mmCIF file of all heavy atoms, coordinates in Angstrom:
data_MODEL
# 
_entry.id   MODEL 
# 
loop_
_atom_site.group_PDB 
_atom_site.id 
_atom_site.type_symbol 
_atom_site.label_atom_id 
_atom_site.label_alt_id 
_atom_site.label_comp_id 
_atom_site.label_asym_id 
_atom_site.label_entity_id 
_atom_site.label_seq_id 
_atom_site.pdbx_PDB_ins_code 
_atom_site.Cartn_x 
_atom_site.Cartn_y 
_atom_site.Cartn_z 
_atom_site.occupancy 
_atom_site.B_iso_or_equiv 
_atom_site.pdbx_formal_charge 
_atom_site.auth_seq_id 
_atom_site.auth_comp_id 
_atom_site.auth_asym_id 
_atom_site.auth_atom_id 
_atom_site.pdbx_PDB_model_num 
ATOM 1   N N   . CYS A 1 1  ? 108.801 137.792 147.741 1.00 0.00 ? 1  CYS A N   1 
ATOM 2   C CA  . CYS A 1 1  ? 109.537 137.762 149.008 1.00 0.00 ? 1  CYS A CA  1 
ATOM 3   C C   . CYS A 1 1  ? 108.795 138.632 150.025 1.00 0.00 ? 1  CYS A C   1 
ATOM 4   O O   . CYS A 1 1  ? 108.023 139.543 149.658 1.00 0.00 ? 1  CYS A O   1 
ATOM 5   C CB  . CYS A 1 1  ? 110.970 138.214 148.829 1.00 0.00 ? 1  CYS A CB  1 
ATOM 6   S SG  . CYS A 1 1  ? 111.200 139.925 148.233 1.00 0.00 ? 1  CYS A SG  1 
ATOM 7   N N   . ALA A 1 2  ? 109.022 138.341 151.301 1.00 0.00 ? 2  ALA A N   1 
ATOM 8   C CA  . ALA A 1 2  ? 108.323 139.027 152.361 1.00 0.00 ? 2  ALA A CA  1 
ATOM 9   C C   . ALA A 1 2  ? 109.243 139.177 153.559 1.00 0.00 ? 2  ALA A C   1 
ATOM 10  O O   . ALA A 1 2  ? 110.147 138.370 153.770 1.00 0.00 ? 2  ALA A O   1 
ATOM 11  C CB  . ALA A 1 2  ? 107.069 138.243 152.770 1.00 0.00 ? 2  ALA A CB  1 
ATOM 12  N N   . ALA A 1 3  ? 108.984 140.231 154.374 1.00 0.00 ? 3  ALA A N   1 
ATOM 13  C CA  . ALA A 1 3  ? 109.787 140.536 155.537 1.00 0.00 ? 3  ALA A CA  1 
ATOM 14  C C   . ALA A 1 3  ? 108.923 140.662 156.774 1.00 0.00 ? 3  ALA A C   1 
ATOM 15  O O   . ALA A 1 3  ? 107.840 141.259 156.721 1.00 0.00 ? 3  ALA A O   1 
ATOM 16  C CB  . ALA A 1 3  ? 110.560 141.834 155.312 1.00 0.00 ? 3  ALA A CB  1 
ATOM 17  N N   . ALA A 1 4  ? 109.406 140.083 157.895 1.00 0.00 ? 4  ALA A N   1 
ATOM 18  C CA  . ALA A 1 4  ? 108.684 140.138 159.176 1.00 0.00 ? 4  ALA A CA  1 
ATOM 19  C C   . ALA A 1 4  ? 109.596 140.818 160.186 1.00 0.00 ? 4  ALA A C   1 
ATOM 20  O O   . ALA A 1 4  ? 110.727 140.345 160.433 1.00 0.00 ? 4  ALA A O   1 
ATOM 21  C CB  . ALA A 1 4  ? 108.311 138.746 159.622 1.00 0.00 ? 4  ALA A CB  1 
ATOM 22  N N   . ALA A 1 5  ? 109.102 141.845 160.866 1.00 0.00 ? 5  ALA A N   1 
ATOM 23  C CA  . ALA A 1 5  ? 109.901 142.609 161.809 1.00 0.00 ? 5  ALA A CA  1 
ATOM 24  C C   . ALA A 1 5  ? 109.563 142.268 163.263 1.00 0.00 ? 5  ALA A C   1 
ATOM 25  O O   . ALA A 1 5  ? 108.457 141.818 163.561 1.00 0.00 ? 5  ALA A O   1 
ATOM 26  C CB  . ALA A 1 5  ? 109.677 144.097 161.587 1.00 0.00 ? 5  ALA A CB  1 
ATOM 27  N N   . GLY A 1 6  ? 110.543 142.475 164.118 1.00 0.00 ? 6  GLY A N   1 
ATOM 28  C CA  . GLY A 1 6  ? 110.267 142.448 165.557 1.00 0.00 ? 6  GLY A CA  1 
ATOM 29  C C   . GLY A 1 6  ? 110.337 141.105 166.229 1.00 0.00 ? 6  GLY A C   1 
ATOM 30  O O   . GLY A 1 6  ? 109.738 140.896 167.254 1.00 0.00 ? 6  GLY A O   1 
ATOM 31  N N   . PHE A 1 7  ? 111.081 140.172 165.649 1.00 0.00 ? 7  PHE A N   1 
ATOM 32  C CA  . PHE A 1 7  ? 111.202 138.841 166.243 1.00 0.00 ? 7  PHE A CA  1 
ATOM 33  C C   . PHE A 1 7  ? 112.651 138.524 166.516 1.00 0.00 ? 7  PHE A C   1 
ATOM 34  O O   . PHE A 1 7  ? 113.535 139.222 166.101 1.00 0.00 ? 7  PHE A O   1 
ATOM 35  C CB  . PHE A 1 7  ? 110.552 137.799 165.346 1.00 0.00 ? 7  PHE A CB  1 
ATOM 36  C CG  . PHE A 1 7  ? 109.086 138.027 165.078 1.00 0.00 ? 7  PHE A CG  1 
ATOM 37  C CD1 . PHE A 1 7  ? 108.675 138.737 163.942 1.00 0.00 ? 7  PHE A CD1 1 
ATOM 38  C CD2 . PHE A 1 7  ? 108.133 137.574 165.971 1.00 0.00 ? 7  PHE A CD2 1 
ATOM 39  C CE1 . PHE A 1 7  ? 107.330 138.970 163.733 1.00 0.00 ? 7  PHE A CE1 1 
ATOM 40  C CE2 . PHE A 1 7  ? 106.778 137.825 165.739 1.00 0.00 ? 7  PHE A CE2 1 
ATOM 41  C CZ  . PHE A 1 7  ? 106.374 138.519 164.626 1.00 0.00 ? 7  PHE A CZ  1 
ATOM 42  N N   . GLY A 1 8  ? 112.895 137.411 167.194 1.00 0.00 ? 8  GLY A N   1 
ATOM 43  C CA  . GLY A 1 8  ? 114.252 137.032 167.543 1.00 0.00 ? 8  GLY A CA  1 
ATOM 44  C C   . GLY A 1 8  ? 115.067 136.618 166.349 1.00 0.00 ? 8  GLY A C   1 
ATOM 45  O O   . GLY A 1 8  ? 114.564 136.439 165.244 1.00 0.00 ? 8  GLY A O   1 
ATOM 46  N N   . THR A 1 9  ? 116.357 136.437 166.586 1.00 0.00 ? 9  THR A N   1 
ATOM 47  C CA  . THR A 1 9  ? 117.278 136.189 165.494 1.00 0.00 ? 9  THR A CA  1 
ATOM 48  C C   . THR A 1 9  ? 117.122 134.797 164.882 1.00 0.00 ? 9  THR A C   1 
ATOM 49  O O   . THR A 1 9  ? 117.662 134.540 163.797 1.00 0.00 ? 9  THR A O   1 
ATOM 50  C CB  . THR A 1 9  ? 118.727 136.343 165.957 1.00 0.00 ? 9  THR A CB  1 
ATOM 51  O OG1 . THR A 1 9  ? 118.964 135.423 167.030 1.00 0.00 ? 9  THR A OG1 1 
ATOM 52  C CG2 . THR A 1 9  ? 118.973 137.756 166.417 1.00 0.00 ? 9  THR A CG2 1 
ATOM 53  N N   . ARG A 1 10 ? 116.418 133.867 165.531 1.00 0.00 ? 10 ARG A N   1 
ATOM 54  C CA  . ARG A 1 10 ? 116.279 132.515 165.001 1.00 0.00 ? 10 ARG A CA  1 
ATOM 55  C C   . ARG A 1 10 ? 114.854 132.177 164.522 1.00 0.00 ? 10 ARG A C   1 
ATOM 56  O O   . ARG A 1 10 ? 114.596 131.080 164.102 1.00 0.00 ? 10 ARG A O   1 
ATOM 57  C CB  . ARG A 1 10 ? 116.698 131.492 166.056 1.00 0.00 ? 10 ARG A CB  1 
ATOM 58  C CG  . ARG A 1 10 ? 118.132 131.632 166.490 1.00 0.00 ? 10 ARG A CG  1 
ATOM 59  C CD  . ARG A 1 10 ? 118.556 130.495 167.378 1.00 0.00 ? 10 ARG A CD  1 
ATOM 60  N NE  . ARG A 1 10 ? 118.618 129.224 166.640 1.00 0.00 ? 10 ARG A NE  1 
ATOM 61  C CZ  . ARG A 1 10 ? 119.674 128.827 165.970 1.00 0.00 ? 10 ARG A CZ  1 
ATOM 62  N NH1 . ARG A 1 10 ? 120.755 129.576 165.897 1.00 0.00 ? 10 ARG A NH1 1 
ATOM 63  N NH2 . ARG A 1 10 ? 119.647 127.657 165.323 1.00 0.00 ? 10 ARG A NH2 1 
ATOM 64  N N   . ALA A 1 11 ? 113.930 133.165 164.568 1.00 0.00 ? 11 ALA A N   1 
ATOM 65  C CA  . ALA A 1 11 ? 112.550 132.906 164.182 1.00 0.00 ? 11 ALA A CA  1 
ATOM 66  C C   . ALA A 1 11 ? 112.417 132.754 162.675 1.00 0.00 ? 11 ALA A C   1 
ATOM 67  O O   . ALA A 1 11 ? 112.982 133.537 161.915 1.00 0.00 ? 11 ALA A O   1 
ATOM 68  C CB  . ALA A 1 11 ? 111.672 134.057 164.664 1.00 0.00 ? 11 ALA A CB  1 
ATOM 69  N N   . VAL A 1 12 ? 111.649 131.729 162.278 1.00 0.00 ? 12 VAL A N   1 
ATOM 70  C CA  . VAL A 1 12 ? 111.341 131.494 160.878 1.00 0.00 ? 12 VAL A CA  1 
ATOM 71  C C   . VAL A 1 12 ? 109.809 131.279 160.774 1.00 0.00 ? 12 VAL A C   1 
ATOM 72  O O   . VAL A 1 12 ? 109.261 130.578 161.590 1.00 0.00 ? 12 VAL A O   1 
ATOM 73  C CB  . VAL A 1 12 ? 112.043 130.204 160.345 1.00 0.00 ? 12 VAL A CB  1 
ATOM 74  C CG1 . VAL A 1 12 ? 111.694 129.981 158.866 1.00 0.00 ? 12 VAL A CG1 1 
ATOM 75  C CG2 . VAL A 1 12 ? 113.543 130.332 160.501 1.00 0.00 ? 12 VAL A CG2 1 
ATOM 76  N N   . PHE A 1 13 ? 109.183 131.888 159.784 1.00 0.00 ? 13 PHE A N   1 
ATOM 77  C CA  . PHE A 1 13 ? 107.743 131.847 159.696 1.00 0.00 ? 13 PHE A CA  1 
ATOM 78  C C   . PHE A 1 13 ? 107.306 131.217 158.401 1.00 0.00 ? 13 PHE A C   1 
ATOM 79  O O   . PHE A 1 13 ? 107.810 131.537 157.321 1.00 0.00 ? 13 PHE A O   1 
ATOM 80  C CB  . PHE A 1 13 ? 107.176 133.276 159.823 1.00 0.00 ? 13 PHE A CB  1 
ATOM 81  C CG  . PHE A 1 13 ? 107.587 133.947 161.070 1.00 0.00 ? 13 PHE A CG  1 
ATOM 82  C CD1 . PHE A 1 13 ? 108.554 134.928 161.028 1.00 0.00 ? 13 PHE A CD1 1 
ATOM 83  C CD2 . PHE A 1 13 ? 107.056 133.580 162.270 1.00 0.00 ? 13 PHE A CD2 1 
ATOM 84  C CE1 . PHE A 1 13 ? 108.957 135.581 162.193 1.00 0.00 ? 13 PHE A CE1 1 
ATOM 85  C CE2 . PHE A 1 13 ? 107.445 134.200 163.432 1.00 0.00 ? 13 PHE A CE2 1 
ATOM 86  C CZ  . PHE A 1 13 ? 108.395 135.194 163.408 1.00 0.00 ? 13 PHE A CZ  1 
ATOM 87  N N   . THR A 1 14 ? 106.313 130.318 158.486 1.00 0.00 ? 14 THR A N   1 
ATOM 88  C CA  . THR A 1 14 ? 105.854 129.563 157.325 1.00 0.00 ? 14 THR A CA  1 
ATOM 89  C C   . THR A 1 14 ? 104.449 129.972 156.883 1.00 0.00 ? 14 THR A C   1 
ATOM 90  O O   . THR A 1 14 ? 103.924 129.421 155.919 1.00 0.00 ? 14 THR A O   1 
ATOM 91  C CB  . THR A 1 14 ? 105.868 128.061 157.636 1.00 0.00 ? 14 THR A CB  1 
ATOM 92  O OG1 . THR A 1 14 ? 104.981 127.790 158.718 1.00 0.00 ? 14 THR A OG1 1 
ATOM 93  C CG2 . THR A 1 14 ? 107.277 127.613 158.005 1.00 0.00 ? 14 THR A CG2 1 
ATOM 94  N N   . THR A 1 15 ? 103.836 130.933 157.581 1.00 0.00 ? 15 THR A N   1 
ATOM 95  C CA  . THR A 1 15 ? 102.508 131.430 157.182 1.00 0.00 ? 15 THR A CA  1 
ATOM 96  C C   . THR A 1 15 ? 102.633 132.910 156.855 1.00 0.00 ? 15 THR A C   1 
ATOM 97  O O   . THR A 1 15 ? 103.614 133.567 157.218 1.00 0.00 ? 15 THR A O   1 
ATOM 98  C CB  . THR A 1 15 ? 101.489 131.233 158.325 1.00 0.00 ? 15 THR A CB  1 
ATOM 99  O OG1 . THR A 1 15 ? 101.916 131.985 159.460 1.00 0.00 ? 15 THR A OG1 1 
ATOM 100 C CG2 . THR A 1 15 ? 101.353 129.769 158.703 1.00 0.00 ? 15 THR A CG2 1 
ATOM 101 N N   . THR A 1 16 ? 101.630 133.456 156.177 1.00 0.00 ? 16 THR A N   1 
ATOM 102 C CA  . THR A 1 16 ? 101.733 134.836 155.704 1.00 0.00 ? 16 THR A CA  1 
ATOM 103 C C   . THR A 1 16 ? 101.526 135.872 156.815 1.00 0.00 ? 16 THR A C   1 
ATOM 104 O O   . THR A 1 16 ? 102.034 137.013 156.709 1.00 0.00 ? 16 THR A O   1 
ATOM 105 C CB  . THR A 1 16 ? 100.686 135.100 154.606 1.00 0.00 ? 16 THR A CB  1 
ATOM 106 O OG1 . THR A 1 16 ? 99.359  134.871 155.141 1.00 0.00 ? 16 THR A OG1 1 
ATOM 107 C CG2 . THR A 1 16 ? 100.907 134.196 153.424 1.00 0.00 ? 16 THR A CG2 1 
ATOM 108 N N   . ARG A 1 17 ? 100.849 135.485 157.886 1.00 0.00 ? 17 ARG A N   1 
ATOM 109 C CA  . ARG A 1 17 ? 100.409 136.479 158.862 1.00 0.00 ? 17 ARG A CA  1 
ATOM 110 C C   . ARG A 1 17 ? 101.538 137.312 159.503 1.00 0.00 ? 17 ARG A C   1 
ATOM 111 O O   . ARG A 1 17 ? 101.381 138.501 159.689 1.00 0.00 ? 17 ARG A O   1 
ATOM 112 C CB  . ARG A 1 17 ? 99.562  135.815 159.946 1.00 0.00 ? 17 ARG A CB  1 
ATOM 113 C CG  . ARG A 1 17 ? 98.989  136.779 160.945 1.00 0.00 ? 17 ARG A CG  1 
ATOM 114 C CD  . ARG A 1 17 ? 97.939  136.130 161.802 1.00 0.00 ? 17 ARG A CD  1 
ATOM 115 N NE  . ARG A 1 17 ? 97.319  137.084 162.716 1.00 0.00 ? 17 ARG A NE  1 
ATOM 116 C CZ  . ARG A 1 17 ? 96.312  136.812 163.508 1.00 0.00 ? 17 ARG A CZ  1 
ATOM 117 N NH1 . ARG A 1 17 ? 95.809  135.603 163.554 1.00 0.00 ? 17 ARG A NH1 1 
ATOM 118 N NH2 . ARG A 1 17 ? 95.812  137.762 164.298 1.00 0.00 ? 17 ARG A NH2 1 
ATOM 119 N N   . PRO A 1 18 ? 102.689 136.689 159.884 1.00 0.00 ? 18 PRO A N   1 
ATOM 120 C CA  . PRO A 1 18 ? 103.712 137.506 160.529 1.00 0.00 ? 18 PRO A CA  1 
ATOM 121 C C   . PRO A 1 18 ? 104.420 138.520 159.628 1.00 0.00 ? 18 PRO A C   1 
ATOM 122 O O   . PRO A 1 18 ? 105.107 139.420 160.103 1.00 0.00 ? 18 PRO A O   1 
ATOM 123 C CB  . PRO A 1 18 ? 104.737 136.486 161.015 1.00 0.00 ? 18 PRO A CB  1 
ATOM 124 C CG  . PRO A 1 18 ? 104.014 135.190 160.992 1.00 0.00 ? 18 PRO A CG  1 
ATOM 125 C CD  . PRO A 1 18 ? 103.065 135.297 159.861 1.00 0.00 ? 18 PRO A CD  1 
ATOM 126 N N   . TYR A 1 19 ? 104.234 138.365 158.325 1.00 0.00 ? 19 TYR A N   1 
ATOM 127 C CA  . TYR A 1 19 ? 104.994 139.201 157.376 1.00 0.00 ? 19 TYR A CA  1 
ATOM 128 C C   . TYR A 1 19 ? 104.327 140.570 157.187 1.00 0.00 ? 19 TYR A C   1 
ATOM 129 O O   . TYR A 1 19 ? 103.125 140.644 156.886 1.00 0.00 ? 19 TYR A O   1 
ATOM 130 C CB  . TYR A 1 19 ? 105.165 138.472 156.048 1.00 0.00 ? 19 TYR A CB  1 
ATOM 131 C CG  . TYR A 1 19 ? 106.058 137.295 156.154 1.00 0.00 ? 19 TYR A CG  1 
ATOM 132 C CD1 . TYR A 1 19 ? 105.566 136.008 156.354 1.00 0.00 ? 19 TYR A CD1 1 
ATOM 133 C CD2 . TYR A 1 19 ? 107.465 137.436 156.099 1.00 0.00 ? 19 TYR A CD2 1 
ATOM 134 C CE1 . TYR A 1 19 ? 106.408 134.917 156.506 1.00 0.00 ? 19 TYR A CE1 1 
ATOM 135 C CE2 . TYR A 1 19 ? 108.301 136.323 156.215 1.00 0.00 ? 19 TYR A CE2 1 
ATOM 136 C CZ  . TYR A 1 19 ? 107.757 135.089 156.418 1.00 0.00 ? 19 TYR A CZ  1 
ATOM 137 O OH  . TYR A 1 19 ? 108.601 133.989 156.567 1.00 0.00 ? 19 TYR A OH  1 
ATOM 138 N N   . ASP A 1 20 ? 105.135 141.612 157.319 1.00 0.00 ? 20 ASP A N   1 
ATOM 139 C CA  . ASP A 1 20 ? 104.627 142.985 157.225 1.00 0.00 ? 20 ASP A CA  1 
ATOM 140 C C   . ASP A 1 20 ? 104.783 143.593 155.856 1.00 0.00 ? 20 ASP A C   1 
ATOM 141 O O   . ASP A 1 20 ? 104.006 144.464 155.480 1.00 0.00 ? 20 ASP A O   1 
ATOM 142 C CB  . ASP A 1 20 ? 105.393 143.865 158.244 1.00 0.00 ? 20 ASP A CB  1 
ATOM 143 C CG  . ASP A 1 20 ? 105.329 143.323 159.652 1.00 0.00 ? 20 ASP A CG  1 
ATOM 144 O OD1 . ASP A 1 20 ? 104.217 143.310 160.225 1.00 0.00 ? 20 ASP A OD1 1 
ATOM 145 O OD2 . ASP A 1 20 ? 106.388 142.893 160.152 1.00 0.00 ? 20 ASP A OD2 1 
ATOM 146 N N   . TYR A 1 21 ? 105.801 143.160 155.137 1.00 0.00 ? 21 TYR A N   1 
ATOM 147 C CA  . TYR A 1 21 ? 106.148 143.792 153.865 1.00 0.00 ? 21 TYR A CA  1 
ATOM 148 C C   . TYR A 1 21 ? 106.298 142.732 152.803 1.00 0.00 ? 21 TYR A C   1 
ATOM 149 O O   . TYR A 1 21 ? 106.840 141.650 153.061 1.00 0.00 ? 21 TYR A O   1 
ATOM 150 C CB  . TYR A 1 21 ? 107.435 144.617 154.004 1.00 0.00 ? 21 TYR A CB  1 
ATOM 151 C CG  . TYR A 1 21 ? 107.378 145.629 155.128 1.00 0.00 ? 21 TYR A CG  1 
ATOM 152 C CD1 . TYR A 1 21 ? 108.050 145.370 156.298 1.00 0.00 ? 21 TYR A CD1 1 
ATOM 153 C CD2 . TYR A 1 21 ? 106.642 146.798 154.997 1.00 0.00 ? 21 TYR A CD2 1 
ATOM 154 C CE1 . TYR A 1 21 ? 107.995 146.281 157.341 1.00 0.00 ? 21 TYR A CE1 1 
ATOM 155 C CE2 . TYR A 1 21 ? 106.591 147.708 156.032 1.00 0.00 ? 21 TYR A CE2 1 
ATOM 156 C CZ  . TYR A 1 21 ? 107.264 147.453 157.202 1.00 0.00 ? 21 TYR A CZ  1 
ATOM 157 O OH  . TYR A 1 21 ? 107.195 148.350 158.213 1.00 0.00 ? 21 TYR A OH  1 
ATOM 158 N N   . TRP A 1 22 ? 105.851 143.103 151.577 1.00 0.00 ? 22 TRP A N   1 
ATOM 159 C CA  . TRP A 1 22 ? 105.871 142.164 150.443 1.00 0.00 ? 22 TRP A CA  1 
ATOM 160 C C   . TRP A 1 22 ? 106.408 142.835 149.195 1.00 0.00 ? 22 TRP A C   1 
ATOM 161 O O   . TRP A 1 22 ? 106.165 144.038 148.979 1.00 0.00 ? 22 TRP A O   1 
ATOM 162 C CB  . TRP A 1 22 ? 104.439 141.661 150.170 1.00 0.00 ? 22 TRP A CB  1 
ATOM 163 C CG  . TRP A 1 22 ? 103.897 140.810 151.257 1.00 0.00 ? 22 TRP A CG  1 
ATOM 164 C CD1 . TRP A 1 22 ? 103.319 141.227 152.418 1.00 0.00 ? 22 TRP A CD1 1 
ATOM 165 C CD2 . TRP A 1 22 ? 103.878 139.383 151.297 1.00 0.00 ? 22 TRP A CD2 1 
ATOM 166 N NE1 . TRP A 1 22 ? 102.969 140.143 153.186 1.00 0.00 ? 22 TRP A NE1 1 
ATOM 167 C CE2 . TRP A 1 22 ? 103.286 138.996 152.511 1.00 0.00 ? 22 TRP A CE2 1 
ATOM 168 C CE3 . TRP A 1 22 ? 104.318 138.380 150.406 1.00 0.00 ? 22 TRP A CE3 1 
ATOM 169 C CZ2 . TRP A 1 22 ? 103.096 137.665 152.867 1.00 0.00 ? 22 TRP A CZ2 1 
ATOM 170 C CZ3 . TRP A 1 22 ? 104.124 137.052 150.774 1.00 0.00 ? 22 TRP A CZ3 1 
ATOM 171 C CH2 . TRP A 1 22 ? 103.514 136.710 151.984 1.00 0.00 ? 22 TRP A CH2 1 
ATOM 172 N N   . GLY A 1 23 ? 107.130 142.074 148.401 1.00 0.00 ? 23 GLY A N   1 
ATOM 173 C CA  . GLY A 1 23 ? 107.538 142.545 147.096 1.00 0.00 ? 23 GLY A CA  1 
ATOM 174 C C   . GLY A 1 23 ? 106.444 142.335 146.069 1.00 0.00 ? 23 GLY A C   1 
ATOM 175 O O   . GLY A 1 23 ? 105.462 141.623 146.338 1.00 0.00 ? 23 GLY A O   1 
ATOM 176 N N   . PRO A 1 24 ? 106.570 142.935 144.898 1.00 0.00 ? 24 PRO A N   1 
ATOM 177 C CA  . PRO A 1 24 ? 105.538 142.838 143.850 1.00 0.00 ? 24 PRO A CA  1 
ATOM 178 C C   . PRO A 1 24 ? 105.483 141.462 143.197 1.00 0.00 ? 24 PRO A C   1 
ATOM 179 O O   . PRO A 1 24 ? 104.467 141.090 142.600 1.00 0.00 ? 24 PRO A O   1 
ATOM 180 C CB  . PRO A 1 24 ? 105.930 143.906 142.857 1.00 0.00 ? 24 PRO A CB  1 
ATOM 181 C CG  . PRO A 1 24 ? 107.373 144.074 143.026 1.00 0.00 ? 24 PRO A CG  1 
ATOM 182 C CD  . PRO A 1 24 ? 107.654 143.843 144.496 1.00 0.00 ? 24 PRO A CD  1 
ATOM 183 N N   . GLY A 1 25 ? 106.578 140.688 143.313 1.00 0.00 ? 25 GLY A N   1 
ATOM 184 C CA  . GLY A 1 25 ? 106.599 139.344 142.725 1.00 0.00 ? 25 GLY A CA  1 
ATOM 185 C C   . GLY A 1 25 ? 107.357 139.230 141.426 1.00 0.00 ? 25 GLY A C   1 
ATOM 186 O O   . GLY A 1 25 ? 107.518 140.217 140.688 1.00 0.00 ? 25 GLY A O   1 
ATOM 187 N N   . ALA A 1 26 ? 107.843 138.016 141.133 1.00 0.00 ? 26 ALA A N   1 
ATOM 188 C CA  . ALA A 1 26 ? 108.556 137.719 139.895 1.00 0.00 ? 26 ALA A CA  1 
ATOM 189 C C   . ALA A 1 26 ? 107.998 136.441 139.309 1.00 0.00 ? 26 ALA A C   1 
ATOM 190 O O   . ALA A 1 26 ? 107.822 135.456 140.041 1.00 0.00 ? 26 ALA A O   1 
ATOM 191 C CB  . ALA A 1 26 ? 110.040 137.577 140.176 1.00 0.00 ? 26 ALA A CB  1 
ATOM 192 N N   . GLN A 1 27 ? 107.754 136.448 138.031 1.00 0.00 ? 27 GLN A N   1 
ATOM 193 C CA  . GLN A 1 27 ? 107.169 135.273 137.356 1.00 0.00 ? 27 GLN A CA  1 
ATOM 194 C C   . GLN A 1 27 ? 108.250 134.225 137.089 1.00 0.00 ? 27 GLN A C   1 
ATOM 195 O O   . GLN A 1 27 ? 109.314 134.548 136.537 1.00 0.00 ? 27 GLN A O   1 
ATOM 196 C CB  . GLN A 1 27 ? 106.508 135.658 136.046 1.00 0.00 ? 27 GLN A CB  1 
ATOM 197 C CG  . GLN A 1 27 ? 105.936 134.522 135.272 1.00 0.00 ? 27 GLN A CG  1 
ATOM 198 C CD  . GLN A 1 27 ? 104.721 133.883 135.928 1.00 0.00 ? 27 GLN A CD  1 
ATOM 199 O OE1 . GLN A 1 27 ? 103.810 134.602 136.350 1.00 0.00 ? 27 GLN A OE1 1 
ATOM 200 N NE2 . GLN A 1 27 ? 104.684 132.554 136.025 1.00 0.00 ? 27 GLN A NE2 1 
ATOM 201 N N   . VAL A 1 28 ? 107.979 133.009 137.472 1.00 0.00 ? 28 VAL A N   1 
ATOM 202 C CA  . VAL A 1 28 ? 108.795 131.843 137.136 1.00 0.00 ? 28 VAL A CA  1 
ATOM 203 C C   . VAL A 1 28 ? 107.945 130.884 136.363 1.00 0.00 ? 28 VAL A C   1 
ATOM 204 O O   . VAL A 1 28 ? 106.895 130.448 136.837 1.00 0.00 ? 28 VAL A O   1 
ATOM 205 C CB  . VAL A 1 28 ? 109.365 131.184 138.402 1.00 0.00 ? 28 VAL A CB  1 
ATOM 206 C CG1 . VAL A 1 28 ? 110.044 129.870 138.045 1.00 0.00 ? 28 VAL A CG1 1 
ATOM 207 C CG2 . VAL A 1 28 ? 110.315 132.112 139.126 1.00 0.00 ? 28 VAL A CG2 1 
# 
């Protein structure tokens, strides 16, 4: 999972660049 800060309430991002923070990941 990833989090992107500083955008409007309806913004959705489909590329990695806007995301500032990342979790370590979970194996599926």
